[in-house]
Full PDB file with SEQRES, HELIX, SHEET, SSBOND, CRYST1, ORIGX, SCALE, CONECT and MASTER records, all heavy atoms in Angstrom:
SEQRES   1 A   35  ALA LEU LEU GLU ASN VAL VAL LEU ASN GLU ASP ASN SER          
SEQRES   2 A   35  VAL ASP PHE GLU ASP THR SER ILE THR GLN ASN THR ARG          
SEQRES   3 A   35  VAL SER TYR PRO ILE HIS HIS ILE LYS                          
HELIX    1 AA1 ILE A   31  HIS A   33  5                                   3    
SHEET    1 AA1 2 LEU A   2  GLU A   4  0                                        
SHEET    2 AA1 2 ARG A  26  SER A  28 -1                                        
CRYST1    1.000    1.000    1.000  90.00  90.00  90.00 P 1           1          
ORIGX1      1.000000  0.000000  0.000000        0.00000                         
ORIGX2      0.000000  1.000000  0.000000        0.00000                         
ORIGX3      0.000000  0.000000  1.000000        0.00000                         
SCALE1      1.000000  0.000000  0.000000        0.00000                         
SCALE2      0.000000  1.000000  0.000000        0.00000                         
SCALE3      0.000000  0.000000  1.000000        0.00000                         
ATOM      1  N   ALA A   1       0.855  -1.220  -0.021  1.00  0.00           N  
ATOM      2  CA  ALA A   1       0.007  -0.037   0.024  1.00  0.00           C  
ATOM      3  C   ALA A   1       0.932   1.237  -0.028  1.00  0.00           C  
ATOM      4  O   ALA A   1       2.066   1.240   0.499  1.00  0.00           O  
ATOM      5  CB  ALA A   1      -0.903  -0.039   1.167  1.00  0.00           C  
ATOM      6  N   LEU A   2       0.346   2.311  -0.595  1.00  0.00           N  
ATOM      7  CA  LEU A   2       1.093   3.595  -0.680  1.00  0.00           C  
ATOM      8  C   LEU A   2       0.353   4.688   0.062  1.00  0.00           C  
ATOM      9  O   LEU A   2      -0.787   5.108  -0.397  1.00  0.00           O  
ATOM     10  CB  LEU A   2       1.400   3.957  -2.104  1.00  0.00           C  
ATOM     11  CG  LEU A   2       2.047   5.307  -2.350  1.00  0.00           C  
ATOM     12  CD1 LEU A   2       3.488   5.209  -1.839  1.00  0.00           C  
ATOM     13  CD2 LEU A   2       1.949   5.709  -3.797  1.00  0.00           C  
ATOM     14  N   LEU A   3       0.792   5.205   1.142  1.00  0.00           N  
ATOM     15  CA  LEU A   3       0.242   6.255   1.990  1.00  0.00           C  
ATOM     16  C   LEU A   3       0.842   7.552   1.464  1.00  0.00           C  
ATOM     17  O   LEU A   3       1.928   7.650   1.207  1.00  0.00           O  
ATOM     18  CB  LEU A   3       0.502   6.058   3.439  1.00  0.00           C  
ATOM     19  CG  LEU A   3      -0.344   5.008   4.098  1.00  0.00           C  
ATOM     20  CD1 LEU A   3       0.365   4.441   5.365  1.00  0.00           C  
ATOM     21  CD2 LEU A   3      -1.736   5.517   4.503  1.00  0.00           C  
ATOM     22  N   GLU A   4      -0.120   8.499   1.353  1.00  0.00           N  
ATOM     23  CA  GLU A   4       0.329   9.867   0.876  1.00  0.00           C  
ATOM     24  C   GLU A   4       0.017  10.975   1.905  1.00  0.00           C  
ATOM     25  O   GLU A   4      -1.123  11.084   2.390  1.00  0.00           O  
ATOM     26  CB  GLU A   4      -0.385  10.216  -0.470  1.00  0.00           C  
ATOM     27  CG  GLU A   4      -0.098   9.246  -1.521  1.00  0.00           C  
ATOM     28  CD  GLU A   4      -0.787   9.709  -2.856  1.00  0.00           C  
ATOM     29  OE1 GLU A   4      -1.469  10.790  -2.899  1.00  0.00           O  
ATOM     30  OE2 GLU A   4      -0.702   8.882  -3.811  1.00  0.00           O  
ATOM     31  N   ASN A   5       1.132  11.671   2.274  1.00  0.00           N  
ATOM     32  CA  ASN A   5       0.995  12.907   3.065  1.00  0.00           C  
ATOM     33  C   ASN A   5       0.351  12.689   4.397  1.00  0.00           C  
ATOM     34  O   ASN A   5      -0.269  13.533   5.057  1.00  0.00           O  
ATOM     35  CB  ASN A   5       0.153  13.987   2.311  1.00  0.00           C  
ATOM     36  CG  ASN A   5       0.748  14.231   0.955  1.00  0.00           C  
ATOM     37  OD1 ASN A   5       1.967  14.532   0.937  1.00  0.00           O  
ATOM     38  ND2 ASN A   5      -0.052  14.251  -0.120  1.00  0.00           N  
ATOM     39  N   VAL A   6       0.655  11.513   5.048  1.00  0.00           N  
ATOM     40  CA  VAL A   6       0.306  11.263   6.434  1.00  0.00           C  
ATOM     41  C   VAL A   6       1.427  11.569   7.344  1.00  0.00           C  
ATOM     42  O   VAL A   6       2.630  11.626   6.939  1.00  0.00           O  
ATOM     43  CB  VAL A   6      -0.149   9.705   6.555  1.00  0.00           C  
ATOM     44  CG1 VAL A   6      -1.332   9.403   5.729  1.00  0.00           C  
ATOM     45  CG2 VAL A   6       0.974   8.801   6.308  1.00  0.00           C  
ATOM     46  N   VAL A   7       1.110  11.662   8.678  1.00  0.00           N  
ATOM     47  CA  VAL A   7       2.128  11.912   9.638  1.00  0.00           C  
ATOM     48  C   VAL A   7       2.429  10.580  10.458  1.00  0.00           C  
ATOM     49  O   VAL A   7       1.359  10.009  10.860  1.00  0.00           O  
ATOM     50  CB  VAL A   7       1.758  13.102  10.561  1.00  0.00           C  
ATOM     51  CG1 VAL A   7       2.832  13.292  11.600  1.00  0.00           C  
ATOM     52  CG2 VAL A   7       1.680  14.374   9.705  1.00  0.00           C  
ATOM     53  N   LEU A   8       3.658  10.168  10.717  1.00  0.00           N  
ATOM     54  CA  LEU A   8       3.939   9.013  11.462  1.00  0.00           C  
ATOM     55  C   LEU A   8       4.281   9.364  12.855  1.00  0.00           C  
ATOM     56  O   LEU A   8       4.944  10.344  13.182  1.00  0.00           O  
ATOM     57  CB  LEU A   8       5.058   8.170  10.788  1.00  0.00           C  
ATOM     58  CG  LEU A   8       4.839   7.849   9.325  1.00  0.00           C  
ATOM     59  CD1 LEU A   8       6.077   6.939   8.864  1.00  0.00           C  
ATOM     60  CD2 LEU A   8       3.566   7.114   9.100  1.00  0.00           C  
ATOM     61  N   ASN A   9       3.858   8.485  13.729  1.00  0.00           N  
ATOM     62  CA  ASN A   9       4.291   8.574  15.171  1.00  0.00           C  
ATOM     63  C   ASN A   9       5.752   7.987  15.330  1.00  0.00           C  
ATOM     64  O   ASN A   9       6.336   7.546  14.321  1.00  0.00           O  
ATOM     65  CB  ASN A   9       3.334   7.685  16.071  1.00  0.00           C  
ATOM     66  CG  ASN A   9       1.878   8.215  15.971  1.00  0.00           C  
ATOM     67  OD1 ASN A   9       1.709   9.434  16.123  1.00  0.00           O  
ATOM     68  ND2 ASN A   9       0.932   7.388  15.725  1.00  0.00           N  
ATOM     69  N   GLU A  10       6.294   8.105  16.500  1.00  0.00           N  
ATOM     70  CA  GLU A  10       7.678   7.651  16.740  1.00  0.00           C  
ATOM     71  C   GLU A  10       7.780   6.160  16.423  1.00  0.00           C  
ATOM     72  O   GLU A  10       8.954   5.772  16.078  1.00  0.00           O  
ATOM     73  CB  GLU A  10       8.060   7.956  18.160  1.00  0.00           C  
ATOM     74  CG  GLU A  10       8.324   9.417  18.474  1.00  0.00           C  
ATOM     75  CD  GLU A  10       8.816   9.610  19.892  1.00  0.00           C  
ATOM     76  OE1 GLU A  10       9.041   8.668  20.550  1.00  0.00           O  
ATOM     77  OE2 GLU A  10       8.899  10.894  20.234  1.00  0.00           O  
ATOM     78  N   ASP A  11       6.826   5.343  16.665  1.00  0.00           N  
ATOM     79  CA  ASP A  11       6.941   3.892  16.342  1.00  0.00           C  
ATOM     80  C   ASP A  11       6.584   3.525  14.846  1.00  0.00           C  
ATOM     81  O   ASP A  11       6.431   2.425  14.501  1.00  0.00           O  
ATOM     82  CB  ASP A  11       6.031   3.108  17.290  1.00  0.00           C  
ATOM     83  CG  ASP A  11       4.576   3.426  17.095  1.00  0.00           C  
ATOM     84  OD1 ASP A  11       4.177   4.357  16.348  1.00  0.00           O  
ATOM     85  OD2 ASP A  11       3.684   2.801  17.813  1.00  0.00           O  
ATOM     86  N   ASN A  12       6.482   4.648  14.018  1.00  0.00           N  
ATOM     87  CA  ASN A  12       6.172   4.533  12.602  1.00  0.00           C  
ATOM     88  C   ASN A  12       4.700   4.081  12.356  1.00  0.00           C  
ATOM     89  O   ASN A  12       4.422   3.647  11.213  1.00  0.00           O  
ATOM     90  CB  ASN A  12       7.159   3.640  11.852  1.00  0.00           C  
ATOM     91  CG  ASN A  12       8.335   4.371  11.420  1.00  0.00           C  
ATOM     92  OD1 ASN A  12       8.753   5.396  12.070  1.00  0.00           O  
ATOM     93  ND2 ASN A  12       9.117   3.820  10.518  1.00  0.00           N  
ATOM     94  N   SER A  13       3.848   4.131  13.327  1.00  0.00           N  
ATOM     95  CA  SER A  13       2.393   3.987  13.061  1.00  0.00           C  
ATOM     96  C   SER A  13       1.896   5.265  12.539  1.00  0.00           C  
ATOM     97  O   SER A  13       2.483   6.356  12.779  1.00  0.00           O  
ATOM     98  CB  SER A  13       1.727   3.536  14.408  1.00  0.00           C  
ATOM     99  OG  SER A  13       1.726   4.556  15.386  1.00  0.00           O  
ATOM    100  N   VAL A  14       0.722   5.230  11.881  1.00  0.00           N  
ATOM    101  CA  VAL A  14       0.205   6.324  11.264  1.00  0.00           C  
ATOM    102  C   VAL A  14      -0.748   7.058  12.258  1.00  0.00           C  
ATOM    103  O   VAL A  14      -1.616   6.491  12.869  1.00  0.00           O  
ATOM    104  CB  VAL A  14      -0.581   6.015   9.997  1.00  0.00           C  
ATOM    105  CG1 VAL A  14      -1.198   7.275   9.278  1.00  0.00           C  
ATOM    106  CG2 VAL A  14       0.309   5.254   9.006  1.00  0.00           C  
ATOM    107  N   ASP A  15      -0.545   8.387  12.329  1.00  0.00           N  
ATOM    108  CA  ASP A  15      -1.443   9.253  13.076  1.00  0.00           C  
ATOM    109  C   ASP A  15      -2.539   9.792  12.039  1.00  0.00           C  
ATOM    110  O   ASP A  15      -2.408  10.725  11.423  1.00  0.00           O  
ATOM    111  CB  ASP A  15      -0.820  10.421  13.776  1.00  0.00           C  
ATOM    112  CG  ASP A  15      -1.657  11.223  14.620  1.00  0.00           C  
ATOM    113  OD1 ASP A  15      -2.873  11.069  14.490  1.00  0.00           O  
ATOM    114  OD2 ASP A  15      -1.292  12.173  15.359  1.00  0.00           O  
ATOM    115  N   PHE A  16      -3.626   8.988  11.969  1.00  0.00           N  
ATOM    116  CA  PHE A  16      -4.701   9.355  10.966  1.00  0.00           C  
ATOM    117  C   PHE A  16      -5.390  10.617  11.257  1.00  0.00           C  
ATOM    118  O   PHE A  16      -6.024  11.104  10.378  1.00  0.00           O  
ATOM    119  CB  PHE A  16      -5.671   8.191  10.834  1.00  0.00           C  
ATOM    120  CG  PHE A  16      -5.105   6.922  10.164  1.00  0.00           C  
ATOM    121  CD1 PHE A  16      -4.852   5.739  11.001  1.00  0.00           C  
ATOM    122  CD2 PHE A  16      -4.694   6.889   8.854  1.00  0.00           C  
ATOM    123  CE1 PHE A  16      -4.279   4.665  10.395  1.00  0.00           C  
ATOM    124  CE2 PHE A  16      -4.146   5.784   8.321  1.00  0.00           C  
ATOM    125  CZ  PHE A  16      -3.873   4.720   9.050  1.00  0.00           C  
ATOM    126  N   GLU A  17      -5.243  11.171  12.524  1.00  0.00           N  
ATOM    127  CA  GLU A  17      -5.956  12.335  12.809  1.00  0.00           C  
ATOM    128  C   GLU A  17      -5.157  13.653  12.582  1.00  0.00           C  
ATOM    129  O   GLU A  17      -5.609  14.723  12.579  1.00  0.00           O  
ATOM    130  CB  GLU A  17      -6.364  12.320  14.374  1.00  0.00           C  
ATOM    131  CG  GLU A  17      -7.362  11.281  14.641  1.00  0.00           C  
ATOM    132  CD  GLU A  17      -7.721  11.287  16.171  1.00  0.00           C  
ATOM    133  OE1 GLU A  17      -7.261  12.161  16.889  1.00  0.00           O  
ATOM    134  OE2 GLU A  17      -8.588  10.449  16.585  1.00  0.00           O  
ATOM    135  N   ASP A  18      -3.963  13.423  12.219  1.00  0.00           N  
ATOM    136  CA  ASP A  18      -3.003  14.663  12.013  1.00  0.00           C  
ATOM    137  C   ASP A  18      -3.103  14.998  10.575  1.00  0.00           C  
ATOM    138  O   ASP A  18      -2.809  14.290   9.624  1.00  0.00           O  
ATOM    139  CB  ASP A  18      -1.540  14.087  12.237  1.00  0.00           C  
ATOM    140  CG  ASP A  18      -0.596  15.344  12.350  1.00  0.00           C  
ATOM    141  OD1 ASP A  18      -0.762  16.277  11.502  1.00  0.00           O  
ATOM    142  OD2 ASP A  18       0.328  15.320  13.195  1.00  0.00           O  
ATOM    143  N   THR A  19      -3.624  16.169  10.342  1.00  0.00           N  
ATOM    144  CA  THR A  19      -3.923  16.800   9.096  1.00  0.00           C  
ATOM    145  C   THR A  19      -2.864  18.064   8.906  1.00  0.00           C  
ATOM    146  O   THR A  19      -3.202  18.932   8.047  1.00  0.00           O  
ATOM    147  CB  THR A  19      -5.271  17.167   8.935  1.00  0.00           C  
ATOM    148  OG1 THR A  19      -5.615  18.219   9.914  1.00  0.00           O  
ATOM    149  CG2 THR A  19      -6.252  16.088   8.980  1.00  0.00           C  
ATOM    150  N   SER A  20      -1.757  17.991   9.571  1.00  0.00           N  
ATOM    151  CA  SER A  20      -0.839  19.180   9.363  1.00  0.00           C  
ATOM    152  C   SER A  20      -0.233  19.265   7.981  1.00  0.00           C  
ATOM    153  O   SER A  20       0.035  20.457   7.556  1.00  0.00           O  
ATOM    154  CB  SER A  20       0.352  19.013  10.375  1.00  0.00           C  
ATOM    155  OG  SER A  20       0.973  17.791  10.271  1.00  0.00           O  
ATOM    156  N   ILE A  21      -0.269  18.154   7.248  1.00  0.00           N  
ATOM    157  CA  ILE A  21       0.272  18.272   5.827  1.00  0.00           C  
ATOM    158  C   ILE A  21      -0.891  18.594   4.874  1.00  0.00           C  
ATOM    159  O   ILE A  21      -0.865  19.502   4.043  1.00  0.00           O  
ATOM    160  CB  ILE A  21       0.901  17.012   5.380  1.00  0.00           C  
ATOM    161  CG1 ILE A  21       2.125  16.694   6.240  1.00  0.00           C  
ATOM    162  CG2 ILE A  21       1.366  17.023   3.841  1.00  0.00           C  
ATOM    163  CD1 ILE A  21       2.804  15.381   5.916  1.00  0.00           C  
ATOM    164  N   THR A  22      -2.038  17.890   5.052  1.00  0.00           N  
ATOM    165  CA  THR A  22      -3.222  18.122   4.333  1.00  0.00           C  
ATOM    166  C   THR A  22      -4.391  17.394   4.937  1.00  0.00           C  
ATOM    167  O   THR A  22      -4.129  16.290   5.636  1.00  0.00           O  
ATOM    168  CB  THR A  22      -3.053  17.701   2.859  1.00  0.00           C  
ATOM    169  OG1 THR A  22      -4.286  17.894   2.147  1.00  0.00           O  
ATOM    170  CG2 THR A  22      -2.652  16.250   2.789  1.00  0.00           C  
ATOM    171  N   GLN A  23      -5.592  17.828   4.705  1.00  0.00           N  
ATOM    172  CA  GLN A  23      -6.707  17.017   5.044  1.00  0.00           C  
ATOM    173  C   GLN A  23      -6.988  15.904   4.028  1.00  0.00           C  
ATOM    174  O   GLN A  23      -7.662  14.849   4.379  1.00  0.00           O  
ATOM    175  CB  GLN A  23      -8.018  17.900   5.147  1.00  0.00           C  
ATOM    176  CG  GLN A  23      -8.035  18.850   6.254  1.00  0.00           C  
ATOM    177  CD  GLN A  23      -9.448  19.191   6.771  1.00  0.00           C  
ATOM    178  OE1 GLN A  23     -10.360  18.853   6.149  1.00  0.00           O  
ATOM    179  NE2 GLN A  23      -9.494  19.938   7.879  1.00  0.00           N  
ATOM    180  N   ASN A  24      -6.398  15.948   2.927  1.00  0.00           N  
ATOM    181  CA  ASN A  24      -6.525  14.972   1.809  1.00  0.00           C  
ATOM    182  C   ASN A  24      -5.484  13.951   1.961  1.00  0.00           C  
ATOM    183  O   ASN A  24      -4.889  13.527   0.952  1.00  0.00           O  
ATOM    184  CB  ASN A  24      -6.500  15.662   0.492  1.00  0.00           C  
ATOM    185  CG  ASN A  24      -6.898  14.780  -0.672  1.00  0.00           C  
ATOM    186  OD1 ASN A  24      -7.807  13.944  -0.508  1.00  0.00           O  
ATOM    187  ND2 ASN A  24      -6.234  14.982  -1.761  1.00  0.00           N  
ATOM    188  N   THR A  25      -5.364  13.312   3.160  1.00  0.00           N  
ATOM    189  CA  THR A  25      -4.473  12.188   3.315  1.00  0.00           C  
ATOM    190  C   THR A  25      -4.993  10.956   2.601  1.00  0.00           C  
ATOM    191  O   THR A  25      -6.203  10.759   2.635  1.00  0.00           O  
ATOM    192  CB  THR A  25      -4.235  11.908   4.793  1.00  0.00           C  
ATOM    193  OG1 THR A  25      -5.539  11.781   5.429  1.00  0.00           O  
ATOM    194  CG2 THR A  25      -3.383  13.002   5.392  1.00  0.00           C  
ATOM    195  N   ARG A  26      -4.242  10.168   2.009  1.00  0.00           N  
ATOM    196  CA  ARG A  26      -4.700   9.063   1.017  1.00  0.00           C  
ATOM    197  C   ARG A  26      -3.953   7.886   1.175  1.00  0.00           C  
ATOM    198  O   ARG A  26      -2.707   7.880   1.606  1.00  0.00           O  
ATOM    199  CB  ARG A  26      -4.686   9.593  -0.404  1.00  0.00           C  
ATOM    200  CG  ARG A  26      -5.518  10.699  -0.819  1.00  0.00           C  
ATOM    201  CD  ARG A  26      -6.886  10.297  -1.226  1.00  0.00           C  
ATOM    202  NE  ARG A  26      -7.777  11.292  -1.703  1.00  0.00           N  
ATOM    203  CZ  ARG A  26      -8.950  11.080  -2.319  1.00  0.00           C  
ATOM    204  NH1 ARG A  26      -9.286   9.787  -2.535  1.00  0.00           N  
ATOM    205  NH2 ARG A  26      -9.736  12.035  -2.685  1.00  0.00           N  
ATOM    206  N   VAL A  27      -4.492   6.774   0.723  1.00  0.00           N  
ATOM    207  CA  VAL A  27      -3.844   5.556   0.611  1.00  0.00           C  
ATOM    208  C   VAL A  27      -4.280   4.853  -0.724  1.00  0.00           C  
ATOM    209  O   VAL A  27      -5.492   4.903  -1.092  1.00  0.00           O  
ATOM    210  CB  VAL A  27      -4.099   4.547   1.711  1.00  0.00           C  
ATOM    211  CG1 VAL A  27      -5.505   4.079   1.955  1.00  0.00           C  
ATOM    212  CG2 VAL A  27      -3.147   3.306   1.621  1.00  0.00           C  
ATOM    213  N   SER A  28      -3.384   4.244  -1.512  1.00  0.00           N  
ATOM    214  CA  SER A  28      -3.753   3.464  -2.713  1.00  0.00           C  
ATOM    215  C   SER A  28      -3.262   2.001  -2.372  1.00  0.00           C  
ATOM    216  O   SER A  28      -2.321   1.805  -1.722  1.00  0.00           O  
ATOM    217  CB  SER A  28      -3.093   3.935  -3.947  1.00  0.00           C  
ATOM    218  OG  SER A  28      -1.668   3.828  -3.891  1.00  0.00           O  
ATOM    219  N   TYR A  29      -4.046   1.021  -2.733  1.00  0.00           N  
ATOM    220  CA  TYR A  29      -3.701  -0.336  -2.591  1.00  0.00           C  
ATOM    221  C   TYR A  29      -4.419  -1.294  -3.587  1.00  0.00           C  
ATOM    222  O   TYR A  29      -5.506  -0.780  -4.142  1.00  0.00           O  
ATOM    223  CB  TYR A  29      -4.093  -0.838  -1.144  1.00  0.00           C  
ATOM    224  CG  TYR A  29      -5.449  -0.523  -0.700  1.00  0.00           C  
ATOM    225  CD1 TYR A  29      -6.542  -1.358  -1.195  1.00  0.00           C  
ATOM    226  CD2 TYR A  29      -5.862   0.520   0.040  1.00  0.00           C  
ATOM    227  CE1 TYR A  29      -7.855  -1.051  -0.765  1.00  0.00           C  
ATOM    228  CE2 TYR A  29      -7.093   0.916   0.384  1.00  0.00           C  
ATOM    229  CZ  TYR A  29      -8.105   0.063   0.080  1.00  0.00           C  
ATOM    230  OH  TYR A  29      -9.392   0.387   0.410  1.00  0.00           O  
ATOM    231  N   PRO A  30      -3.811  -2.270  -4.087  1.00  0.00           N  
ATOM    232  CA  PRO A  30      -4.462  -3.198  -5.029  1.00  0.00           C  
ATOM    233  C   PRO A  30      -5.763  -3.749  -4.456  1.00  0.00           C  
ATOM    234  O   PRO A  30      -5.838  -3.975  -3.284  1.00  0.00           O  
ATOM    235  CB  PRO A  30      -3.428  -4.287  -5.332  1.00  0.00           C  
ATOM    236  CG  PRO A  30      -2.545  -4.274  -4.161  1.00  0.00           C  
ATOM    237  CD  PRO A  30      -2.508  -2.878  -3.591  1.00  0.00           C  
ATOM    238  N   ILE A  31      -6.751  -4.022  -5.291  1.00  0.00           N  
ATOM    239  CA  ILE A  31      -8.026  -4.391  -4.767  1.00  0.00           C  
ATOM    240  C   ILE A  31      -7.974  -5.701  -4.060  1.00  0.00           C  
ATOM    241  O   ILE A  31      -8.821  -5.941  -3.154  1.00  0.00           O  
ATOM    242  CB  ILE A  31      -9.058  -4.420  -5.941  1.00  0.00           C  
ATOM    243  CG1 ILE A  31     -10.489  -4.380  -5.426  1.00  0.00           C  
ATOM    244  CG2 ILE A  31      -8.845  -5.649  -6.852  1.00  0.00           C  
ATOM    245  CD1 ILE A  31     -11.462  -4.213  -6.526  1.00  0.00           C  
ATOM    246  N   HIS A  32      -7.020  -6.552  -4.301  1.00  0.00           N  
ATOM    247  CA  HIS A  32      -7.044  -7.750  -3.627  1.00  0.00           C  
ATOM    248  C   HIS A  32      -6.423  -7.597  -2.127  1.00  0.00           C  
ATOM    249  O   HIS A  32      -6.444  -8.638  -1.437  1.00  0.00           O  
ATOM    250  CB  HIS A  32      -5.995  -8.810  -4.270  1.00  0.00           C  
ATOM    251  CG  HIS A  32      -4.635  -8.405  -4.516  1.00  0.00           C  
ATOM    252  ND1 HIS A  32      -4.158  -7.968  -5.824  1.00  0.00           N  
ATOM    253  CD2 HIS A  32      -3.585  -8.229  -3.716  1.00  0.00           C  
ATOM    254  CE1 HIS A  32      -2.965  -7.565  -5.770  1.00  0.00           C  
ATOM    255  NE2 HIS A  32      -2.544  -7.766  -4.478  1.00  0.00           N  
ATOM    256  N   HIS A  33      -6.188  -6.442  -1.730  1.00  0.00           N  
ATOM    257  CA  HIS A  33      -5.923  -6.182  -0.318  1.00  0.00           C  
ATOM    258  C   HIS A  33      -7.251  -6.109   0.478  1.00  0.00           C  
ATOM    259  O   HIS A  33      -7.227  -6.282   1.770  1.00  0.00           O  
ATOM    260  CB  HIS A  33      -5.293  -4.828  -0.112  1.00  0.00           C  
ATOM    261  CG  HIS A  33      -3.748  -4.875  -0.296  1.00  0.00           C  
ATOM    262  ND1 HIS A  33      -2.839  -3.964   0.336  1.00  0.00           N  
ATOM    263  CD2 HIS A  33      -2.932  -5.779  -0.964  1.00  0.00           C  
ATOM    264  CE1 HIS A  33      -1.594  -4.277   0.000  1.00  0.00           C  
ATOM    265  NE2 HIS A  33      -1.616  -5.367  -0.800  1.00  0.00           N  
ATOM    266  N   ILE A  34      -8.285  -6.046  -0.223  1.00  0.00           N  
ATOM    267  CA  ILE A  34      -9.700  -6.282   0.442  1.00  0.00           C  
ATOM    268  C   ILE A  34     -10.045  -7.684   0.343  1.00  0.00           C  
ATOM    269  O   ILE A  34      -9.948  -8.312  -0.759  1.00  0.00           O  
ATOM    270  CB  ILE A  34     -10.758  -5.347  -0.342  1.00  0.00           C  
ATOM    271  CG1 ILE A  34     -10.399  -3.852  -0.146  1.00  0.00           C  
ATOM    272  CG2 ILE A  34     -12.136  -5.644   0.231  1.00  0.00           C  
ATOM    273  CD1 ILE A  34     -10.525  -3.274   1.147  1.00  0.00           C  
ATOM    274  N   LYS A  35     -10.543  -8.296   1.410  1.00  0.00           N  
ATOM    275  CA  LYS A  35     -10.727  -9.740   1.380  1.00  0.00           C  
ATOM    276  C   LYS A  35     -11.975 -10.169   0.556  1.00  0.00           C  
ATOM    277  O   LYS A  35     -11.909 -11.019  -0.252  1.00  0.00           O  
ATOM    278  CB  LYS A  35     -10.999 -10.196   2.813  1.00  0.00           C  
ATOM    279  CG  LYS A  35      -9.788 -10.220   3.738  1.00  0.00           C  
ATOM    280  CD  LYS A  35     -10.080 -10.796   5.112  1.00  0.00           C  
ATOM    281  CE  LYS A  35      -8.862 -10.921   6.028  1.00  0.00           C  
ATOM    282  NZ  LYS A  35      -9.202 -11.404   7.372  1.00  0.00           N  
TER     283      LYS A  35                                                      
MASTER        0    0    0    1    2    0    0    6  282    1    0    3          
END                                                                             
């Protein structure tokens, strides 16, 4: 998966509530990532 313009915490987890870069944070992934 490719995450765009998200902010990472110290443990490299994503802070999905942080919109300091943009509110338009995104992810792309191939459809087979959905079960």
